[in-house]
Protein backbone atom coordinates (compact mmCIF):
# COMPACT_ATOMS: atom_id res chain seq x y z
CA UNK A 1 12.06 26.18 5.06
CA UNK A 2 9.34 25.65 6.99
CA UNK A 3 6.86 22.45 7.60
CA UNK A 4 3.96 23.32 5.93
CA UNK A 5 1.89 19.98 6.72
CA UNK A 6 2.19 16.59 8.50
CA UNK A 7 -0.10 14.19 8.07
CA UNK A 8 -0.53 10.28 9.15
CA UNK A 9 -2.10 7.46 7.17
CA UNK A 10 -3.21 4.26 9.25
CA UNK A 11 -4.63 0.79 8.51
CA UNK A 12 -7.97 -0.23 8.93
CA UNK A 13 -6.80 -3.46 11.20
CA UNK A 14 -6.56 -1.74 14.92
CA UNK A 15 -6.14 -4.06 17.49
CA UNK A 16 -5.57 -3.89 21.32
CA UNK A 17 -2.40 -5.24 22.66
CA UNK A 18 -4.12 -7.96 24.54
CA UNK A 19 -5.73 -9.02 21.30
CA UNK A 20 -2.32 -9.28 19.19
CA UNK A 21 -0.52 -11.49 22.11
CA UNK A 22 -3.19 -13.94 22.14
CA UNK A 23 -3.59 -14.10 18.63
CA UNK A 24 0.25 -14.83 18.30
CA UNK A 25 -0.05 -17.24 20.76
CA UNK A 26 -2.93 -19.05 19.03
CA UNK A 27 -2.60 -18.73 15.34
CA UNK A 28 0.79 -17.50 14.82
CA UNK A 29 3.36 -19.24 17.35
CA UNK A 30 1.14 -22.33 18.26
CA UNK A 31 2.87 -25.03 20.07
CA UNK A 32 6.45 -23.41 19.07
CA UNK A 33 6.66 -20.89 22.52
CA UNK A 34 8.32 -22.89 25.34
CA UNK A 35 6.90 -20.73 27.96
CA UNK A 36 3.62 -19.05 26.48
CA UNK A 37 3.02 -16.68 29.44
CA UNK A 38 7.06 -15.18 29.02
CA UNK A 39 5.09 -14.03 25.70
CA UNK A 40 2.44 -11.93 27.50
CA UNK A 41 5.17 -10.47 29.84
CA UNK A 42 7.39 -8.90 27.65
CA UNK A 43 4.25 -7.51 25.61
CA UNK A 44 2.84 -5.97 28.45
CA UNK A 45 5.94 -4.08 29.62
CA UNK A 46 6.77 -2.32 26.04
CA UNK A 47 3.97 0.73 26.89
CA UNK A 48 1.78 -0.65 23.65
CA UNK A 49 -2.08 -0.23 24.23
CA UNK A 50 -3.22 -0.27 20.58
CA UNK A 51 -1.49 -1.00 16.72
CA UNK A 52 -2.88 -0.92 13.75
CA UNK A 53 -2.27 -4.02 11.22
CA UNK A 54 -2.13 -4.41 7.32
CA UNK A 55 -4.35 -7.20 7.43
CA UNK A 56 -6.31 -9.32 9.71
CA UNK A 57 -4.88 -10.99 12.48
CA UNK A 58 -5.53 -14.42 10.93
CA UNK A 59 -3.75 -13.98 7.65
CA UNK A 60 -0.27 -13.32 8.93
CA UNK A 61 0.19 -17.13 9.52
CA UNK A 62 -0.99 -18.11 6.06
CA UNK A 63 2.41 -15.73 4.37
CA UNK A 64 4.39 -18.70 3.50
CA UNK A 65 7.47 -16.58 1.88
CA UNK A 66 9.22 -13.72 2.09
CA UNK A 67 7.95 -12.74 -1.56
CA UNK A 68 4.46 -12.96 -0.41
CA UNK A 69 5.02 -10.24 2.21
CA UNK A 70 7.31 -8.43 0.31
CA UNK A 71 4.43 -7.98 -2.54
CA UNK A 72 2.21 -7.18 0.10
CA UNK A 73 4.38 -4.39 1.61
CA UNK A 74 4.60 -2.79 -1.69
CA UNK A 75 0.99 -3.14 -2.09
CA UNK A 76 -0.03 -1.62 1.23
CA UNK A 77 2.59 0.51 1.16
CA UNK A 78 1.32 2.46 -1.76
CA UNK A 79 -2.20 2.99 -0.50
CA UNK A 80 -1.36 4.25 2.71
CA UNK A 81 1.78 6.58 0.72
CA UNK A 82 -1.04 7.94 -1.20
CA UNK A 83 -3.49 8.89 1.55
CA UNK A 84 -0.66 10.14 3.99
CA UNK A 85 0.96 12.53 0.96
CA UNK A 86 -2.65 13.76 -0.20
CA UNK A 87 -3.38 14.48 3.51
CA UNK A 88 0.03 16.45 4.23
CA UNK A 89 -0.83 18.35 0.83
CA UNK A 90 -4.71 19.19 2.15
CA UNK A 91 -3.30 20.49 5.44
CA UNK A 92 -0.05 22.58 3.79
CA UNK A 93 -3.08 23.99 1.28
CA UNK A 94 -1.12 22.15 -2.12
CA UNK A 95 -1.67 20.21 -4.52
CA UNK A 96 0.08 16.78 -5.87
CA UNK A 97 1.10 19.48 -9.18
CA UNK A 98 2.89 21.61 -6.36
CA UNK A 99 5.57 18.94 -5.73
CA UNK A 100 8.94 19.69 -6.78
CA UNK A 101 10.95 16.45 -4.60
CA UNK A 102 9.53 13.29 -3.13
CA UNK A 103 11.43 11.71 0.09
CA UNK A 104 10.34 8.06 0.15
CA UNK A 105 11.76 5.99 3.48
CA UNK A 106 11.14 2.77 4.10
CA UNK A 107 12.98 -0.44 5.90
CA UNK A 108 10.10 -3.09 5.74
CA UNK A 109 10.11 -3.93 2.00
CA UNK A 110 11.92 -3.56 -0.92
CA UNK A 111 11.35 -3.08 -4.60
CA UNK A 112 13.18 -1.80 -8.49
CA UNK A 113 11.12 0.39 -9.53
CA UNK A 114 11.07 1.71 -6.25
CA UNK A 115 8.32 2.84 -4.09
CA UNK A 116 8.58 6.56 -5.13
CA UNK A 117 8.36 5.47 -8.77
CA UNK A 118 5.38 3.51 -8.25
CA UNK A 119 3.58 6.59 -6.25
CA UNK A 120 4.65 8.81 -9.13
CA UNK A 121 2.41 6.92 -11.23
CA UNK A 122 -0.24 5.94 -9.47
CA UNK A 123 -0.95 9.83 -7.98
CA UNK A 124 0.56 11.18 -11.64
CA UNK A 125 2.77 13.47 -10.10
CA UNK A 126 4.68 15.82 -12.20
CA UNK A 127 7.15 13.94 -14.40
CA UNK A 128 9.73 16.11 -14.02
CA UNK A 129 9.80 15.63 -10.06
CA UNK A 130 12.91 14.76 -8.28
CA UNK A 131 12.71 11.42 -6.09
CA UNK A 132 15.24 9.92 -3.54
CA UNK A 133 14.29 6.63 -2.39
CA UNK A 134 16.00 5.69 0.84
CA UNK A 135 16.18 2.29 2.56
CA UNK A 136 17.80 1.00 5.64
CA UNK A 137 18.06 3.55 8.24
CA UNK A 138 15.29 2.70 10.51
CA UNK A 139 13.89 4.69 13.38
CA UNK A 140 16.11 7.11 12.33
CA UNK A 141 14.10 7.60 8.89
CA UNK A 142 11.64 9.90 9.91
CA UNK A 143 14.53 12.54 10.89
CA UNK A 144 16.97 11.46 8.02
CA UNK A 145 14.30 11.72 5.44
CA UNK A 146 13.03 15.14 6.62
CA UNK A 147 16.35 16.47 6.88
CA UNK A 148 17.20 15.66 3.45
CA UNK A 149 13.86 17.26 2.18
CA UNK A 150 15.79 20.31 4.08
CA UNK A 151 18.59 20.03 2.47
CA UNK A 152 16.67 19.99 -0.75
CA UNK A 153 14.32 23.21 -0.01
CA UNK A 154 17.66 24.99 0.80
CA UNK A 155 19.47 24.27 -2.22
CA UNK A 156 16.33 25.05 -3.91
CA UNK A 157 14.35 27.91 -1.76
CA UNK A 158 11.48 28.01 -4.37
CA UNK A 159 10.70 24.67 -4.33
CA UNK A 160 8.39 22.25 -1.93
CA UNK A 161 9.19 18.74 -1.09
CA UNK A 162 7.25 15.99 0.03
CA UNK A 163 8.78 13.06 2.75
CA UNK A 164 7.09 10.15 3.22
CA UNK A 165 7.86 7.45 5.48
CA UNK A 166 5.60 3.97 5.48
CA UNK A 167 6.34 0.97 7.44
CA UNK A 168 4.66 -2.11 7.67
CA UNK A 169 6.43 -3.71 10.32
CA UNK A 170 3.94 -6.49 11.10
CA UNK A 171 4.92 -8.40 7.64
CA UNK A 172 8.18 -8.74 9.49
CA UNK A 173 7.85 -10.77 11.89
CA UNK A 174 9.29 -14.07 11.80
CA UNK A 175 7.96 -17.23 12.84
CA UNK A 176 10.54 -19.19 13.35
CA UNK A 177 12.50 -17.04 15.88
CA UNK A 178 11.80 -17.86 19.58
CA UNK A 179 14.50 -15.11 20.63
CA UNK A 180 13.40 -12.82 23.22
CA UNK A 181 14.70 -10.05 20.62
CA UNK A 182 11.89 -11.48 17.96
CA UNK A 183 9.21 -11.67 20.91
CA UNK A 184 9.89 -8.05 22.02
CA UNK A 185 9.82 -6.55 18.39
CA UNK A 186 6.25 -8.37 17.53
CA UNK A 187 5.10 -6.47 20.90
CA UNK A 188 6.54 -3.37 19.90
CA UNK A 189 6.01 -2.12 16.01
CA UNK A 190 3.09 -1.16 14.70
CA UNK A 191 1.86 -0.38 10.70
CA UNK A 192 1.27 3.06 9.37
CA UNK A 193 2.65 5.75 7.32
CA UNK A 194 3.40 9.76 7.77
CA UNK A 195 4.10 12.05 5.24
CA UNK A 196 5.75 15.88 5.49
CA UNK A 197 5.49 19.04 3.43
CA UNK A 198 8.56 21.21 3.23
CA UNK A 199 8.24 24.59 1.85
CA UNK A 200 11.70 26.43 0.82
CA UNK A 201 12.30 29.82 1.97
CA UNK A 202 10.93 31.54 -1.23
CA UNK A 203 7.37 29.83 -1.18
CA UNK A 204 7.28 29.34 2.64
CA UNK A 205 5.11 32.49 3.21
CA UNK A 206 3.81 32.69 -0.15
CA UNK A 207 -0.33 31.75 -0.75
CA UNK A 208 -0.84 28.27 -1.92
CA UNK A 209 -1.31 27.51 -5.71
CA UNK A 210 -3.91 25.40 -4.93
CA UNK A 211 -7.57 25.92 -3.94
CA UNK A 212 -7.26 24.47 -0.13
CA UNK A 213 -6.17 27.04 2.54
CA UNK A 214 -3.38 25.47 4.49
CA UNK A 215 -4.80 24.30 8.68
CA UNK A 216 -2.02 25.45 10.74
CA UNK A 217 1.24 26.57 9.84
CA UNK A 218 4.47 23.95 11.09
CA UNK A 219 7.81 25.16 12.61
CA UNK A 220 10.66 26.80 10.50
CA UNK A 221 13.81 24.05 10.08
CA UNK A 222 16.70 26.30 11.11
CA UNK A 223 19.24 23.40 10.64
CA UNK A 224 19.89 19.34 10.78
CA UNK A 225 23.05 17.18 12.26
CA UNK A 226 24.13 13.65 12.45
CA UNK A 227 26.08 11.66 14.43
CA UNK A 228 27.35 8.43 13.36
CA UNK A 229 28.76 5.81 16.16
CA UNK A 230 31.90 4.38 14.56
CA UNK A 231 31.26 0.25 15.03
CA UNK A 232 27.91 -0.18 16.02
CA UNK A 233 26.54 -2.21 13.45
CA UNK A 234 25.09 -4.72 16.05
CA UNK A 235 23.49 -2.33 17.95
CA UNK A 236 20.16 -2.33 15.61
CA UNK A 237 18.69 -3.04 12.05
CA UNK A 238 17.96 -6.14 9.94
CA UNK A 239 19.69 -9.68 9.45
CA UNK A 240 18.63 -10.41 6.19
CA UNK A 241 18.00 -13.84 4.51
CA UNK A 242 15.64 -15.72 2.41
CA UNK A 243 13.21 -15.96 5.22
CA UNK A 244 13.14 -12.03 5.07
CA UNK A 245 14.19 -9.22 7.76
CA UNK A 246 15.27 -10.91 10.97
CA UNK A 247 15.21 -8.18 13.68
CA UNK A 248 18.55 -7.31 15.36
CA UNK A 249 18.08 -5.57 18.97
CA UNK A 250 21.09 -4.97 21.03
CA UNK A 251 20.52 -4.62 24.73
CA UNK A 252 23.10 -2.52 24.64
CA UNK A 253 20.88 0.96 22.98
CA UNK A 254 20.83 2.20 26.51
CA UNK A 255 24.15 1.97 27.70
CA UNK A 256 25.08 3.74 24.14
CA UNK A 257 22.45 6.42 24.17
CA UNK A 258 23.58 7.11 28.21
CA UNK A 259 27.13 7.72 26.98
CA UNK A 260 27.00 9.90 23.60
CA UNK A 261 23.41 11.47 23.16
CA UNK A 262 24.11 14.09 25.88
CA UNK A 263 27.32 15.63 24.69
CA UNK A 264 26.18 14.91 21.03
CA UNK A 265 22.92 17.11 21.76
CA UNK A 266 24.85 19.94 23.67
CA UNK A 267 27.40 19.87 20.41
CA UNK A 268 24.71 20.47 17.98
CA UNK A 269 22.78 22.90 20.05
CA UNK A 270 26.10 25.26 20.54
CA UNK A 271 26.32 25.88 16.64
CA UNK A 272 23.51 28.19 17.00
CA UNK A 273 24.43 29.23 20.26
CA UNK A 274 21.48 27.29 22.22
CA UNK A 275 21.60 25.24 25.54
CA UNK A 276 18.96 22.55 26.30
CA UNK A 277 17.73 24.96 28.81
CA UNK A 278 16.72 26.81 25.40
CA UNK A 279 14.34 24.16 24.10
CA UNK A 280 10.85 24.24 24.95
CA UNK A 281 9.79 21.27 22.58
CA UNK A 282 10.99 17.84 22.34
CA UNK A 283 10.04 15.25 19.39
CA UNK A 284 11.19 12.30 20.25
CA UNK A 285 10.61 8.89 18.05
CA UNK A 286 9.36 6.49 19.93
CA UNK A 287 11.75 3.93 20.43
CA UNK A 288 10.19 1.64 23.23
CA UNK A 289 9.94 2.16 27.01
CA UNK A 290 13.62 2.00 27.77
CA UNK A 291 14.40 4.05 24.65
CA UNK A 292 12.45 6.73 25.81
CA UNK A 293 13.75 6.37 29.63
CA UNK A 294 17.26 6.55 28.35
CA UNK A 295 16.77 9.49 26.40
CA UNK A 296 14.97 11.67 28.86
CA UNK A 297 17.78 10.68 31.82
CA UNK A 298 20.41 11.23 29.77
CA UNK A 299 19.22 14.87 28.47
CA UNK A 300 17.44 15.89 32.20
CA UNK A 301 14.21 15.95 29.94
CA UNK A 302 10.78 16.88 32.47
CA UNK A 303 7.95 14.25 32.21
CA UNK A 304 6.15 16.55 29.84
CA UNK A 305 8.68 16.92 27.17
CA UNK A 306 7.92 13.30 26.78
CA UNK A 307 4.40 13.40 26.85
CA UNK A 308 3.11 13.10 23.00
CA UNK A 309 5.85 10.53 22.74
CA UNK A 310 4.89 8.39 25.28
CA UNK A 311 1.22 8.66 23.83
CA UNK A 312 1.92 8.04 20.60
CA UNK A 313 3.85 4.84 21.65
CA UNK A 314 0.44 3.84 23.45
CA UNK A 315 -2.09 4.42 20.74
CA UNK A 316 0.14 3.10 17.49
CA UNK A 317 3.36 1.08 19.03
CA UNK A 318 6.70 1.95 17.18
CA UNK A 319 6.35 2.87 13.40
CA UNK A 320 10.42 2.86 13.08
CA UNK A 321 10.78 5.89 10.71
CA UNK A 322 7.24 7.06 10.72
CA UNK A 323 7.19 6.87 14.43
CA UNK A 324 8.91 10.37 14.77
CA UNK A 325 6.38 12.01 12.48
CA UNK A 326 3.62 10.64 14.37
CA UNK A 327 4.53 13.04 17.24
CA UNK A 328 5.15 16.25 15.13
CA UNK A 329 1.90 15.60 13.43
CA UNK A 330 0.01 15.52 17.16
CA UNK A 331 2.24 18.78 18.65
CA UNK A 332 1.36 20.55 15.18
CA UNK A 333 -1.99 19.58 15.63
CA UNK A 334 -3.31 19.73 18.94
CA UNK A 335 0.05 20.84 21.35
CA UNK A 336 1.89 23.55 19.17
CA UNK A 337 3.90 25.52 21.46
CA UNK A 338 3.95 29.31 21.65
CA UNK A 339 5.57 31.52 18.75
CA UNK A 340 9.21 31.65 18.53
CA UNK A 341 9.36 28.23 20.66
CA UNK A 342 12.77 26.52 19.67
CA UNK A 343 12.71 22.69 19.41
CA UNK A 344 14.83 19.90 18.52
CA UNK A 345 13.50 17.10 16.95
CA UNK A 346 15.25 13.77 17.66
CA UNK A 347 15.68 10.00 16.25
CA UNK A 348 18.05 7.18 16.65
CA UNK A 349 18.43 4.46 14.22
CA UNK A 350 20.63 1.47 12.74
CA UNK A 351 23.80 2.73 11.78
CA UNK A 352 23.93 3.24 14.91
CA UNK A 353 23.05 7.13 14.39
CA UNK A 354 21.50 10.22 16.38
CA UNK A 355 19.64 12.51 13.76
CA UNK A 356 18.67 16.02 15.01
CA UNK A 357 16.88 19.26 13.35
CA UNK A 358 15.96 22.04 15.42
CA UNK A 359 13.25 23.99 14.94
CA UNK A 360 11.65 27.29 15.10
CA UNK A 361 7.92 27.22 16.00
């Protein structure tokens, strides 16, 4: 199994963190914040310089119901999804007709028929394509989806699968929630999509059936692992009500990471007779400063190991499920390690869980 192409797609509206914070104070939460300066303090500490939003900032105060925001999510998610999938196919040297399976991950909206069905219709994908929508896994979603795509191509080695992660986090901001966790989330999460093309072992080294040429060969997927932490539902997720998605974010998360992650990574690598010292590349989701620092400390990583994660956080914010794929794209396109280097792709999310993928570049 091999990653044949990775690409992202962003909305056109890009704002500095200061601009977003000022707009939230003056437009979205005007007169509601007891200490407006606290919003500035929180947003200055989340490691974000810029974010992309699906709509102009003044539009968000005009949404009056979850129905409206969910309809907006569905439309934008389709547009970004098509762009991301087509760009990933372009980089893989493939066409839409080459896809045998489609995995779609999102936690910022819901639909039935699901988003994957809408994409199949709009993109005119093959009617025999196998589709799998995935909801509820949050920041772990990129790794979860990539693992399922790898499982699929392991079972069908002559097939090619696409994974799409698309999140419109700006539509989940809660106007009446003045809690610290919601204020932090409003400064951390952004909008965008990322797609990955995975080819089975019988097609991984075969020429493209289309006319395009692959720009860069991605890493092999050697194995996938999952760790579920019992009785940790309160760590992260949504509290879903008639008002939409209210963020659940516990301050216990760094403690959970420091307590468990090192042993979990060592156990996973041990299955392949590897140790952390054998890993030359780390692809880690941009969970925020406290999450990245906790991961670095507990795994004993160097600053350079998380450099692209920090850079992605600055440029885009946290895109939930798509975050780890943005880091993967940047490494593949601009910082690919030497051939033969082992890598680990790592993301964590609601459940609470860790998802791990062993790569060889």
